[in-house]
C-alpha atoms as a PDB file:
ATOM      1  CA  MET A   1      -0.127  -0.497  -0.006  1.00  0.00           C
ATOM      2  CA  LYS A   2       1.491   3.344  -0.901  1.00  0.00           C
ATOM      3  CA  SER A   3       0.719   6.792   0.058  1.00  0.00           C
ATOM      4  CA  ALA A   4      -2.551   8.615  -1.607  1.00  0.00           C
ATOM      5  CA  VAL A   5      -1.098  11.739  -1.797  1.00  0.00           C
ATOM      6  CA  ARG A   6       1.889  13.558  -3.241  1.00  0.00           C
ATOM      7  CA  GLN A   7       3.595  16.566  -1.515  1.00  0.00           C
ATOM      8  CA  SER A   8       2.894  18.598  -4.514  1.00  0.00           C
ATOM      9  CA  GLU A   9      -0.997  18.016  -4.181  1.00  0.00           C
ATOM     10  CA  ILE A  10      -0.656  19.052  -0.749  1.00  0.00           C
ATOM     11  CA  GLY A  11       1.565  22.261  -1.901  1.00  0.00           C
ATOM     12  CA  GLU A  12      -1.080  23.616  -3.828  1.00  0.00           C
ATOM     13  CA  LEU A  13      -3.646  23.315  -1.705  1.00  0.00           C
ATOM     14  CA  VAL A  14      -2.023  25.009   0.614  1.00  0.00           C
ATOM     15  CA  ARG A  15      -1.007  27.765  -1.358  1.00  0.00           C
ATOM     16  CA  SER A  16      -5.028  28.183  -2.627  1.00  0.00           C
ATOM     17  CA  GLY A  17      -6.564  27.231   0.820  1.00  0.00           C
ATOM     18  CA  LEU A  18      -4.551  30.302   2.328  1.00  0.00           C
ATOM     19  CA  SER A  19      -4.160  32.812  -0.187  1.00  0.00           C
ATOM     20  CA  ARG A  20      -8.472  33.154   0.343  1.00  0.00           C
ATOM     21  CA  LYS A  21     -10.161  35.992   1.907  1.00  0.00           C
ATOM     22  CA  ALA A  22     -11.356  33.528   4.408  1.00  0.00           C
ATOM     23  CA  LYS A  23      -8.338  30.809   4.471  1.00  0.00           C
ATOM     24  CA  ALA A  24      -9.253  27.356   4.755  1.00  0.00           C
ATOM     25  CA  LEU A  25      -8.012  24.035   4.644  1.00  0.00           C
ATOM     26  CA  PRO A  26      -9.288  20.013   3.431  1.00  0.00           C
ATOM     27  CA  PRO A  27      -9.654  18.447   6.676  1.00  0.00           C
ATOM     28  CA  TRP A  28      -8.198  15.180   5.104  1.00  0.00           C
ATOM     29  CA  LEU A  29      -4.985  17.050   5.994  1.00  0.00           C
ATOM     30  CA  PHE A  30      -5.433  16.095   9.697  1.00  0.00           C
ATOM     31  CA  TYR A  31      -4.620  12.515   8.621  1.00  0.00           C
ATOM     32  CA  ASP A  32      -0.638  12.037   8.798  1.00  0.00           C
ATOM     33  CA  THR A  33       0.590   9.073  11.382  1.00  0.00           C
ATOM     34  CA  ALA A  34       0.289  11.606  14.586  1.00  0.00           C
ATOM     35  CA  GLY A  35      -2.929  13.400  13.468  1.00  0.00           C
ATOM     36  CA  THR A  36      -4.666   9.286  12.708  1.00  0.00           C
ATOM     37  CA  GLU A  37      -3.328   8.584  16.117  1.00  0.00           C
ATOM     38  CA  LEU A  38      -4.766  11.524  17.868  1.00  0.00           C
ATOM     39  CA  PHE A  39      -8.397  11.168  15.997  1.00  0.00           C
ATOM     40  CA  GLU A  40      -8.403   7.281  17.729  1.00  0.00           C
ATOM     41  CA  ARG A  41      -8.369   8.977  21.114  1.00  0.00           C
ATOM     42  CA  ILE A  42     -10.721  11.396  20.062  1.00  0.00           C
ATOM     43  CA  THR A  43     -12.877   8.494  19.665  1.00  0.00           C
ATOM     44  CA  GLN A  44     -12.253   7.403  22.462  1.00  0.00           C
ATOM     45  CA  LEU A  45     -13.216  10.175  24.519  1.00  0.00           C
ATOM     46  CA  ASP A  46     -16.691  10.609  26.375  1.00  0.00           C
ATOM     47  CA  ALA A  47     -17.446  13.872  24.724  1.00  0.00           C
ATOM     48  CA  TYR A  48     -17.296  12.573  21.421  1.00  0.00           C
ATOM     49  CA  TYR A  49     -20.694  10.669  21.323  1.00  0.00           C
ATOM     50  CA  LEU A  50     -20.890  10.118  17.398  1.00  0.00           C
ATOM     51  CA  THR A  51     -18.353   7.053  17.347  1.00  0.00           C
ATOM     52  CA  ARG A  52     -20.001   5.760  21.169  1.00  0.00           C
ATOM     53  CA  LYS A  53     -23.476   6.179  19.635  1.00  0.00           C
ATOM     54  CA  GLU A  54     -22.641   4.744  16.391  1.00  0.00           C
ATOM     55  CA  ARG A  55     -20.971   1.600  17.743  1.00  0.00           C
ATOM     56  CA  GLN A  56     -24.256   1.229  19.624  1.00  0.00           C
ATOM     57  CA  ILE A  57     -26.447   1.118  16.929  1.00  0.00           C
ATOM     58  CA  LEU A  58     -24.138  -1.305  15.452  1.00  0.00           C
ATOM     59  CA  LEU A  59     -23.706  -3.924  17.781  1.00  0.00           C
ATOM     60  CA  GLN A  60     -27.422  -4.036  18.492  1.00  0.00           C
ATOM     61  CA  HIS A  61     -28.832  -4.096  15.092  1.00  0.00           C
ATOM     62  CA  SER A  62     -26.239  -5.460  13.309  1.00  0.00           C
ATOM     63  CA  GLY A  63     -27.523  -8.622  12.443  1.00  0.00           C
ATOM     64  CA  ALA A  64     -31.206  -6.639  11.464  1.00  0.00           C
ATOM     65  CA  ILE A  65     -29.253  -4.372   9.042  1.00  0.00           C
ATOM     66  CA  VAL A  66     -27.190  -7.064   7.293  1.00  0.00           C
ATOM     67  CA  ASP A  67     -30.631  -9.175   6.897  1.00  0.00           C
ATOM     68  CA  VAL A  68     -32.554  -6.115   5.306  1.00  0.00           C
ATOM     69  CA  CYS A  69     -29.009  -6.261   2.983  1.00  0.00           C
ATOM     70  CA  VAL A  70     -30.505  -9.630   1.912  1.00  0.00           C
ATOM     71  CA  PRO A  71     -26.929 -10.644   0.787  1.00  0.00           C
ATOM     72  CA  GLY A  72     -27.538 -14.498   0.151  1.00  0.00           C
ATOM     73  CA  THR A  73     -23.409 -16.183  -0.466  1.00  0.00           C
ATOM     74  CA  GLN A  74     -21.445 -13.314  -1.071  1.00  0.00           C
ATOM     75  CA  TRP A  75     -21.329 -10.010  -0.054  1.00  0.00           C
ATOM     76  CA  GLN A  76     -18.784  -6.933  -1.211  1.00  0.00           C
ATOM     77  CA  VAL A  77     -18.181  -4.640   1.425  1.00  0.00           C
ATOM     78  CA  PHE A  78     -16.616  -0.834   0.015  1.00  0.00           C
ATOM     79  CA  GLU A  79     -15.970   1.560   3.229  1.00  0.00           C
ATOM     80  CA  LEU A  80     -14.914   4.872   2.752  1.00  0.00           C
ATOM     81  CA  GLY A  81     -12.854   6.381   4.947  1.00  0.00           C
ATOM     82  CA  ALA A  82     -12.717   3.308   6.887  1.00  0.00           C
ATOM     83  CA  GLY A  83     -10.145   4.330   9.502  1.00  0.00           C
ATOM     84  CA  SER A  84      -9.449   1.637  12.298  1.00  0.00           C
ATOM     85  CA  ALA A  85     -12.273  -0.471  11.069  1.00  0.00           C
ATOM     86  CA  ARG A  86     -13.493  -1.476  14.611  1.00  0.00           C
ATOM     87  CA  LYS A  87     -16.908  -0.467  14.367  1.00  0.00           C
ATOM     88  CA  THR A  88     -17.185  -2.483  10.791  1.00  0.00           C
ATOM     89  CA  ALA A  89     -16.165  -5.333  12.703  1.00  0.00           C
ATOM     90  CA  HIS A  90     -19.649  -6.116  13.640  1.00  0.00           C
ATOM     91  CA  LEU A  91     -21.471  -5.675  10.663  1.00  0.00           C
ATOM     92  CA  LEU A  92     -18.797  -8.458   8.572  1.00  0.00           C
ATOM     93  CA  ARG A  93     -19.335 -10.171  11.681  1.00  0.00           C
ATOM     94  CA  ALA A  94     -22.792 -11.029  11.119  1.00  0.00           C
ATOM     95  CA  ALA A  95     -22.587 -10.923   7.861  1.00  0.00           C
ATOM     96  CA  LEU A  96     -19.975 -14.100   8.531  1.00  0.00           C
ATOM     97  CA  GLU A  97     -22.704 -15.804  10.639  1.00  0.00           C
ATOM     98  CA  ARG A  98     -25.271 -15.477   7.668  1.00  0.00           C
ATOM     99  CA  GLN A  99     -22.937 -16.779   4.632  1.00  0.00           C
ATOM    100  CA  ARG A 100     -19.845 -18.114   3.365  1.00  0.00           C
ATOM    101  CA  ILE A 101     -18.016 -15.292   1.733  1.00  0.00           C
ATOM    102  CA  VAL A 102     -17.379 -11.770   3.036  1.00  0.00           C
ATOM    103  CA  GLU A 103     -14.960  -9.352   1.065  1.00  0.00           C
ATOM    104  CA  TYR A 104     -14.296  -6.347   2.895  1.00  0.00           C
ATOM    105  CA  HIS A 105     -12.405  -3.133   1.160  1.00  0.00           C
ATOM    106  CA  PRO A 106     -11.097  -0.281   3.592  1.00  0.00           C
ATOM    107  CA  LEU A 107     -10.591   2.880   1.412  1.00  0.00           C
ATOM    108  CA  ASP A 108      -8.356   5.383   3.007  1.00  0.00           C
ATOM    109  CA  ILE A 109      -6.160   8.343   2.599  1.00  0.00           C
ATOM    110  CA  SER A 110      -4.478   7.286   5.332  1.00  0.00           C
ATOM    111  CA  LEU A 111      -1.839   4.943   5.266  1.00  0.00           C
ATOM    112  CA  ASP A 112      -1.599   4.326   8.850  1.00  0.00           C
ATOM    113  CA  ALA A 113      -4.964   3.637   9.154  1.00  0.00           C
ATOM    114  CA  MET A 114      -5.042   0.814   6.622  1.00  0.00           C
ATOM    115  CA  LEU A 115      -2.117  -0.671   8.117  1.00  0.00           C
ATOM    116  CA  ASN A 116      -4.213  -0.168  11.877  1.00  0.00           C
ATOM    117  CA  ALA A 117      -7.085  -2.316   9.998  1.00  0.00           C
ATOM    118  CA  VAL A 118      -5.626  -4.630   8.201  1.00  0.00           C
ATOM    119  CA  GLU A 119      -4.111  -6.048  11.360  1.00  0.00           C
ATOM    120  CA  TYR A 120      -6.977  -5.755  13.438  1.00  0.00           C
ATOM    121  CA  LEU A 121      -8.973  -7.781  10.987  1.00  0.00           C
ATOM    122  CA  ALA A 122      -6.424 -10.484  10.892  1.00  0.00           C
ATOM    123  CA  GLN A 123      -7.016 -11.048  14.338  1.00  0.00           C
ATOM    124  CA  GLU A 124     -10.297 -10.591  15.161  1.00  0.00           C
ATOM    125  CA  LEU A 125     -11.881 -11.727  11.965  1.00  0.00           C
ATOM    126  CA  PRO A 126      -9.599 -13.987   9.610  1.00  0.00           C
ATOM    127  CA  GLU A 127     -12.577 -15.658   7.759  1.00  0.00           C
ATOM    128  CA  VAL A 128     -12.600 -11.766   5.807  1.00  0.00           C
ATOM    129  CA  LYS A 129     -10.788 -11.193   2.633  1.00  0.00           C
ATOM    130  CA  VAL A 130      -9.359  -7.789   3.451  1.00  0.00           C
ATOM    131  CA  CYS A 131      -8.403  -6.143  -0.011  1.00  0.00           C
ATOM    132  CA  PRO A 132      -7.524  -1.895   1.373  1.00  0.00           C
ATOM    133  CA  GLU A 133      -7.074   0.798  -0.933  1.00  0.00           C
ATOM    134  CA  VAL A 134      -4.760   3.933   0.155  1.00  0.00           C
ATOM    135  CA  THR A 135      -6.796   6.812  -1.749  1.00  0.00           C
ATOM    136  CA  ASP A 136      -8.249   9.828  -1.760  1.00  0.00           C
ATOM    137  CA  TYR A 137     -11.829   8.283  -2.362  1.00  0.00           C
ATOM    138  CA  THR A 138     -13.879  11.565  -2.583  1.00  0.00           C
ATOM    139  CA  GLN A 139     -11.671  11.676  -5.986  1.00  0.00           C
ATOM    140  CA  SER A 140     -11.315   8.037  -6.930  1.00  0.00           C
ATOM    141  CA  GLN A 141     -13.643   4.767  -7.616  1.00  0.00           C
ATOM    142  CA  PRO A 142     -13.197   1.835  -5.670  1.00  0.00           C
ATOM    143  CA  ARG A 143     -11.084  -0.708  -7.691  1.00  0.00           C
ATOM    144  CA  PRO A 144     -13.502  -2.944 -10.135  1.00  0.00           C
ATOM    145  CA  LEU A 145     -13.206  -6.628  -8.939  1.00  0.00           C
ATOM    146  CA  ALA A 146     -11.354  -9.288 -11.132  1.00  0.00           C
ATOM    147  CA  SER A 147     -14.519 -11.621 -10.354  1.00  0.00           C
ATOM    148  CA  ASP A 148     -17.854 -11.046  -9.564  1.00  0.00           C
ATOM    149  CA  ALA A 149     -19.879 -13.996  -8.323  1.00  0.00           C
ATOM    150  CA  GLY A 150     -23.309 -11.994  -8.532  1.00  0.00           C
ATOM    151  CA  GLY A 151     -23.117 -11.269  -4.557  1.00  0.00           C
ATOM    152  CA  CYS A 152     -24.559  -8.040  -2.923  1.00  0.00           C
ATOM    153  CA  LYS A 153     -22.626  -4.722  -2.951  1.00  0.00           C
ATOM    154  CA  ALA A 154     -22.417  -2.819   0.206  1.00  0.00           C
ATOM    155  CA  LEU A 155     -21.186   0.945   0.153  1.00  0.00           C
ATOM    156  CA  LEU A 156     -20.639   2.322   3.312  1.00  0.00           C
ATOM    157  CA  TRP A 157     -20.095   5.515   4.617  1.00  0.00           C
ATOM    158  CA  MET A 158     -19.776   5.599   8.417  1.00  0.00           C
ATOM    159  CA  GLY A 159     -18.517   7.906  11.119  1.00  0.00           C
ATOM    160  CA  SER A 160     -21.234  11.050   9.884  1.00  0.00           C
ATOM    161  CA  SER A 161     -18.337  11.447   7.752  1.00  0.00           C
ATOM    162  CA  LEU A 162     -20.149  12.895   4.610  1.00  0.00           C
ATOM    163  CA  GLY A 163     -21.022  16.073   6.898  1.00  0.00           C
ATOM    164  CA  ASN A 164     -17.601  17.112   6.019  1.00  0.00           C
ATOM    165  CA  TYR A 165     -19.025  17.888   2.922  1.00  0.00           C
ATOM    166  CA  GLU A 166     -22.062  20.249   0.899  1.00  0.00           C
ATOM    167  CA  GLN A 167     -24.809  17.780   0.120  1.00  0.00           C
ATOM    168  CA  ALA A 168     -24.124  18.140  -3.376  1.00  0.00           C
ATOM    169  CA  GLU A 169     -20.059  17.347  -2.736  1.00  0.00           C
ATOM    170  CA  ALA A 170     -21.709  13.971  -0.614  1.00  0.00           C
ATOM    171  CA  VAL A 171     -23.992  13.294  -3.339  1.00  0.00           C
ATOM    172  CA  ALA A 172     -21.194  13.283  -6.444  1.00  0.00           C
ATOM    173  CA  VAL A 173     -18.546  11.244  -3.755  1.00  0.00           C
ATOM    174  CA  LEU A 174     -21.564   8.814  -3.545  1.00  0.00           C
ATOM    175  CA  ARG A 175     -22.428   8.321  -7.268  1.00  0.00           C
ATOM    176  CA  ARG A 176     -18.517   7.915  -7.968  1.00  0.00           C
ATOM    177  CA  ALA A 177     -17.663   5.618  -6.077  1.00  0.00           C
ATOM    178  CA  SER A 178     -20.763   3.761  -6.780  1.00  0.00           C
ATOM    179  CA  ALA A 179     -20.803   3.356 -10.370  1.00  0.00           C
ATOM    180  CA  HIS A 180     -20.109  -0.035 -10.905  1.00  0.00           C
ATOM    181  CA  PHE A 181     -22.844  -0.988  -8.153  1.00  0.00           C
ATOM    182  CA  ARG A 182     -25.985  -2.785  -9.943  1.00  0.00           C
ATOM    183  CA  THR A 183     -29.463  -2.328  -9.061  1.00  0.00           C
ATOM    184  CA  GLY A 184     -30.368  -3.914  -5.189  1.00  0.00           C
ATOM    185  CA  ASP A 185     -26.812  -2.886  -4.133  1.00  0.00           C
ATOM    186  CA  ILE A 186     -26.769  -0.660  -0.891  1.00  0.00           C
ATOM    187  CA  LEU A 187     -25.594   1.933   0.563  1.00  0.00           C
ATOM    188  CA  LEU A 188     -25.022   2.398   4.587  1.00  0.00           C
ATOM    189  CA  LEU A 189     -24.512   5.480   5.811  1.00  0.00           C
ATOM    190  CA  GLY A 190     -23.432   7.085  10.007  1.00  0.00           C
ATOM    191  CA  VAL A 191     -24.924   9.723  10.145  1.00  0.00           C
ATOM    192  CA  ASP A 192     -25.225  12.695  13.239  1.00  0.00           C
ATOM    193  CA  LEU A 193     -28.048  13.871  13.444  1.00  0.00           C
ATOM    194  CA  HIS A 194     -29.361  17.105  13.745  1.00  0.00           C
ATOM    195  CA  PRO A 195     -30.400  18.604  17.174  1.00  0.00           C
ATOM    196  CA  SER A 196     -33.785  19.413  16.451  1.00  0.00           C
ATOM    197  CA  GLU A 197     -34.420  15.715  15.604  1.00  0.00           C
ATOM    198  CA  GLY A 198     -33.574  14.414  19.305  1.00  0.00           C
ATOM    199  CA  SER A 199     -32.232  15.184  22.571  1.00  0.00           C
ATOM    200  CA  LYS A 200     -29.124  16.931  21.685  1.00  0.00           C
ATOM    201  CA  GLN A 201     -28.403  20.236  22.963  1.00  0.00           C
ATOM    202  CA  LYS A 202     -25.789  22.902  21.277  1.00  0.00           C
ATOM    203  CA  GLN A 203     -23.455  22.378  24.033  1.00  0.00           C
ATOM    204  CA  ASP A 204     -23.293  18.836  23.500  1.00  0.00           C
ATOM    205  CA  LEU A 205     -22.062  19.067  20.311  1.00  0.00           C
ATOM    206  CA  ILE A 206     -19.349  22.465  21.643  1.00  0.00           C
ATOM    207  CA  VAL A 207     -18.100  19.658  24.072  1.00  0.00           C
ATOM    208  CA  ALA A 208     -17.860  17.112  21.271  1.00  0.00           C
ATOM    209  CA  TYR A 209     -15.734  19.660  19.355  1.00  0.00           C
ATOM    210  CA  ASP A 210     -13.726  20.799  21.958  1.00  0.00           C
ATOM    211  CA  ASP A 211     -13.110  18.089  24.900  1.00  0.00           C
ATOM    212  CA  PRO A 212     -11.845  19.238  28.043  1.00  0.00           C
ATOM    213  CA  GLU A 213      -8.777  17.056  27.759  1.00  0.00           C
ATOM    214  CA  GLY A 214      -7.991  19.166  24.875  1.00  0.00           C
ATOM    215  CA  VAL A 215      -7.230  16.163  22.318  1.00  0.00           C
ATOM    216  CA  THR A 216      -9.553  17.407  19.454  1.00  0.00           C
ATOM    217  CA  ALA A 217      -7.164  21.000  20.005  1.00  0.00           C
ATOM    218  CA  ALA A 218      -3.830  19.141  19.877  1.00  0.00           C
ATOM    219  CA  PHE A 219      -5.547  17.407  16.536  1.00  0.00           C
ATOM    220  CA  ASN A 220      -6.049  20.316  15.089  1.00  0.00           C
ATOM    221  CA  ARG A 221      -3.356  21.889  15.590  1.00  0.00           C
ATOM    222  CA  ASN A 222      -1.130  18.802  14.362  1.00  0.00           C
ATOM    223  CA  LEU A 223      -2.257  19.628  10.452  1.00  0.00           C
ATOM    224  CA  LEU A 224       0.252  23.020  11.096  1.00  0.00           C
ATOM    225  CA  LEU A 225       2.995  20.468  12.837  1.00  0.00           C
ATOM    226  CA  ARG A 226       2.465  18.330   9.332  1.00  0.00           C
ATOM    227  CA  LEU A 227       2.288  21.406   6.721  1.00  0.00           C
ATOM    228  CA  ASN A 228       5.973  22.773   8.902  1.00  0.00           C
ATOM    229  CA  ARG A 229       7.229  18.937   8.421  1.00  0.00           C
ATOM    230  CA  GLU A 230       5.930  18.283   4.610  1.00  0.00           C
ATOM    231  CA  LEU A 231       6.685  22.051   3.177  1.00  0.00           C
ATOM    232  CA  GLY A 232       8.982  23.232   5.041  1.00  0.00           C
ATOM    233  CA  ALA A 233       6.551  25.824   6.379  1.00  0.00           C
ATOM    234  CA  ASP A 234       6.991  27.834   9.896  1.00  0.00           C
ATOM    235  CA  PHE A 235       4.053  27.755  11.872  1.00  0.00           C
ATOM    236  CA  ARG A 236       3.844  28.288  16.020  1.00  0.00           C
ATOM    237  CA  PRO A 237       1.288  26.087  16.566  1.00  0.00           C
ATOM    238  CA  ASP A 238       0.897  27.765  20.145  1.00  0.00           C
ATOM    239  CA  GLN A 239       0.157  30.665  18.331  1.00  0.00           C
ATOM    240  CA  PHE A 240      -3.237  29.545  17.248  1.00  0.00           C
ATOM    241  CA  ALA A 241      -6.147  28.958  18.858  1.00  0.00           C
ATOM    242  CA  HIS A 242      -8.313  26.232  18.454  1.00  0.00           C
ATOM    243  CA  ARG A 243     -12.239  27.352  18.564  1.00  0.00           C
ATOM    244  CA  ALA A 244     -15.499  25.000  17.640  1.00  0.00           C
ATOM    245  CA  ASP A 245     -18.344  26.651  17.020  1.00  0.00           C
ATOM    246  CA  TRP A 246     -22.004  25.860  16.250  1.00  0.00           C
ATOM    247  CA  ASN A 247     -23.187  27.567  13.251  1.00  0.00           C
ATOM    248  CA  GLU A 248     -27.086  27.304  13.482  1.00  0.00           C
ATOM    249  CA  ALA A 249     -27.614  28.697  10.314  1.00  0.00           C
ATOM    250  CA  SER A 250     -25.838  26.352   8.302  1.00  0.00           C
ATOM    251  CA  GLY A 251     -26.244  23.266  10.923  1.00  0.00           C
ATOM    252  CA  ARG A 252     -22.974  22.629  11.350  1.00  0.00           C
ATOM    253  CA  MET A 253     -20.199  22.563  13.336  1.00  0.00           C
ATOM    254  CA  GLU A 254     -16.748  24.300  12.317  1.00  0.00           C
ATOM    255  CA  MET A 255     -13.573  23.959  13.623  1.00  0.00           C
ATOM    256  CA  HIS A 256     -10.541  27.017  12.998  1.00  0.00           C
ATOM    257  CA  LEU A 257      -7.452  27.213  13.855  1.00  0.00           C
ATOM    258  CA  VAL A 258      -7.089  30.995  15.300  1.00  0.00           C
ATOM    259  CA  SER A 259      -4.212  33.412  14.981  1.00  0.00           C
ATOM    260  CA  ARG A 260      -3.281  34.660  18.336  1.00  0.00           C
ATOM    261  CA  ILE A 261      -1.680  37.937  17.056  1.00  0.00           C
ATOM    262  CA  PHE A 262      -0.389  39.379  13.869  1.00  0.00           C
ATOM    263  CA  GLN A 263       2.349  37.212  12.233  1.00  0.00           C
ATOM    264  CA  GLN A 264       3.749  35.918   8.884  1.00  0.00           C
ATOM    265  CA  VAL A 265       4.338  32.385   7.863  1.00  0.00           C
ATOM    266  CA  HIS A 266       7.112  31.355   5.443  1.00  0.00           C
ATOM    267  CA  VAL A 267       6.207  27.700   3.576  1.00  0.00           C
ATOM    268  CA  ALA A 268       9.761  27.106   2.177  1.00  0.00           C
ATOM    269  CA  GLU A 269       8.143  24.608  -0.491  1.00  0.00           C
ATOM    270  CA  LEU A 270       5.712  27.117  -1.922  1.00  0.00           C
ATOM    271  CA  GLU A 271       8.495  30.112  -1.472  1.00  0.00           C
ATOM    272  CA  GLN A 272       5.534  32.166  -0.198  1.00  0.00           C
ATOM    273  CA  THR A 273       4.496  33.792   2.976  1.00  0.00           C
ATOM    274  CA  PHE A 274       1.001  34.022   4.221  1.00  0.00           C
ATOM    275  CA  VAL A 275       0.069  37.013   6.968  1.00  0.00           C
ATOM    276  CA  PHE A 276      -2.218  36.296   9.622  1.00  0.00           C
ATOM    277  CA  GLN A 277      -4.091  38.921  11.403  1.00  0.00           C
ATOM    278  CA  ALA A 278      -4.562  38.661  15.608  1.00  0.00           C
ATOM    279  CA  GLY A 279      -7.763  36.634  15.567  1.00  0.00           C
ATOM    280  CA  GLU A 280      -8.002  35.734  11.726  1.00  0.00           C
ATOM    281  CA  SER A 281      -8.362  32.113  11.326  1.00  0.00           C
ATOM    282  CA  ILE A 282      -7.926  28.932   9.124  1.00  0.00           C
ATOM    283  CA  HIS A 283     -11.085  27.186   8.799  1.00  0.00           C
ATOM    284  CA  THR A 284     -10.157  23.368   9.444  1.00  0.00           C
ATOM    285  CA  GLU A 285     -13.242  21.589   9.241  1.00  0.00           C
ATOM    286  CA  SER A 286     -17.334  21.830   8.703  1.00  0.00           C
ATOM    287  CA  SER A 287     -19.479  18.936  10.267  1.00  0.00           C
ATOM    288  CA  TYR A 288     -22.913  18.925   9.041  1.00  0.00           C
ATOM    289  CA  LYS A 289     -25.548  17.652  11.022  1.00  0.00           C
ATOM    290  CA  LEU A 290     -27.813  16.195   9.175  1.00  0.00           C
ATOM    291  CA  THR A 291     -32.582  16.106   9.823  1.00  0.00           C
ATOM    292  CA  VAL A 292     -33.715  12.571   8.421  1.00  0.00           C
ATOM    293  CA  GLN A 293     -35.577  14.021   5.611  1.00  0.00           C
ATOM    294  CA  GLN A 294     -32.499  15.587   4.342  1.00  0.00           C
ATOM    295  CA  VAL A 295     -30.545  11.945   4.471  1.00  0.00           C
ATOM    296  CA  GLN A 296     -33.223  11.082   2.428  1.00  0.00           C
ATOM    297  CA  GLU A 297     -33.354  13.284  -0.232  1.00  0.00           C
ATOM    298  CA  LEU A 298     -29.629  12.597  -0.447  1.00  0.00           C
ATOM    299  CA  LEU A 299     -30.026   8.799  -0.758  1.00  0.00           C
ATOM    300  CA  GLN A 300     -32.848   9.303  -3.156  1.00  0.00           C
ATOM    301  CA  GLN A 301     -30.284  12.040  -5.570  1.00  0.00           C
ATOM    302  CA  ALA A 302     -27.236   9.450  -4.477  1.00  0.00           C
ATOM    303  CA  GLY A 303     -29.609   6.298  -6.384  1.00  0.00           C
ATOM    304  CA  PHE A 304     -30.171   4.840  -3.694  1.00  0.00           C
ATOM    305  CA  PRO A 305     -33.640   5.344  -2.448  1.00  0.00           C
ATOM    306  CA  PHE A 306     -34.376   4.967   1.503  1.00  0.00           C
ATOM    307  CA  VAL A 307     -35.226   1.567   2.957  1.00  0.00           C
ATOM    308  CA  SER A 308     -34.948   1.965   6.520  1.00  0.00           C
ATOM    309  CA  VAL A 309     -32.803   3.560   9.937  1.00  0.00           C
ATOM    310  CA  TRP A 310     -31.477   2.493  12.858  1.00  0.00           C
ATOM    311  CA  MET A 311     -30.912   5.050  15.559  1.00  0.00           C
ATOM    312  CA  ASP A 312     -29.909   5.203  19.532  1.00  0.00           C
ATOM    313  CA  PRO A 313     -33.184   5.952  21.395  1.00  0.00           C
ATOM    314  CA  GLN A 314     -32.050   9.768  22.136  1.00  0.00           C
ATOM    315  CA  ARG A 315     -32.214  10.188  18.298  1.00  0.00           C
ATOM    316  CA  TRP A 316     -28.773  11.605  18.248  1.00  0.00           C
ATOM    317  CA  PHE A 317     -27.286   9.733  15.477  1.00  0.00           C
ATOM    318  CA  GLY A 318     -28.442   7.287  13.078  1.00  0.00           C
ATOM    319  CA  VAL A 319     -27.460   4.109  10.631  1.00  0.00           C
ATOM    320  CA  PHE A 320     -29.581   4.791   6.946  1.00  0.00           C
ATOM    321  CA  LEU A 321     -29.973   2.012   4.221  1.00  0.00           C
ATOM    322  CA  GLY A 322     -30.913   2.681   0.532  1.00  0.00           C
ATOM    323  CA  ARG A 323     -31.289   0.438  -1.725  1.00  0.00           C
ATOM    324  CA  ARG A 324     -29.607   1.322  -5.736  1.00  0.00           C
ATOM    325  CA  SER A 325     -32.549   2.127  -8.216  1.00  0.00           C
ATOM    326  CA  SER A 326     -31.944   1.233 -11.566  1.00  0.00           C
ATOM    327  CA  PRO A 327     -29.104   3.901 -13.046  1.00  0.00           C
ATOM    328  CA  ALA A 328     -31.667   5.864 -15.397  1.00  0.00           C
ATOM    329  CA  ALA A 329     -33.926   6.187 -12.248  1.00  0.00           C
ATOM    330  CA  ALA A 330     -31.098   7.107 -10.332  1.00  0.00           C
ATOM    331  CA  ASP A 331     -30.273  10.120 -13.219  1.00  0.00           C
ATOM    332  CA  LEU A 332     -33.786  11.255 -13.368  1.00  0.00           C
ATOM    333  CA  SER A 333     -33.689  11.733  -9.516  1.00  0.00           C
ATOM    334  CA  SER A 334     -30.558  14.041  -9.998  1.00  0.00           C
ATOM    335  CA  THR A 335     -31.842  15.400 -12.819  1.00  0.00           C
ATOM    336  CA  GLN A 336     -35.040  16.627 -11.148  1.00  0.00           C
ATOM    337  CA  ARG A 337     -33.403  19.049  -8.519  1.00  0.00           C
END
């Protein structure tokens, strides 16, 4: 497995993102070796309810989810942004109990995450055939299978990762990734729900993205350390404050790195210096929180009309399942919006 991103690509993204009036960088830059380790720590925090809620849903309902999928004798699972694959293991285990062949194709931009997933599954579920791919899954399609024995394909996008994208962008990612899927194949989405759907409060969101232990702050600042190392930048991470805001109008959490002082940052690889005013921020992540209706619309636009949903009792998080309609129907759905 090879790294999915070239240094030149990172450089051009940084040049573009820091040259804007409202500075911004893409969230996948978080996931170098240190960032991947920090994110794993975040998922174990009490404050970060997303992983806990999703894991509880999968632990309780994996059998029912797999039964609805009706995989038959072979199930080919493609997961976007698979990470450590520990939550997905509940689904894979339930599938193994019902059939004889399970192929798992984890896709992630982080080489470290893929190596961890392969090692974990080899120990926990050696019967599963694991075919990892280190790639920018938002821009590429899963590799076509050399042989397709007619089993069901499933596309997974868990952890509410789709919330990092505008709805049109998320739909484009899903349509690109499922280009080789057939009528009857399924899509499974893990979605952090909008507070209006349940008992979630603004403070629950804020703490999830700005935990008291400071792990998320370190995760955010680690992006700057990565740019220092890979692009020869001279960011001083201690001079950038971590900020997490709930944007009510947009229905999303935002993470920023806010310059504490007026400062200039030179990026040697780009031969360019960027000026930061005191209080000026770099927008590093958006995380949209969706209503049930918004998820159903997204599934329809992606060509996987809604079938079922499983939620925690407080309706903070949902795992949504859609089934592939015919390509013609999916195209019609897209053009009608």
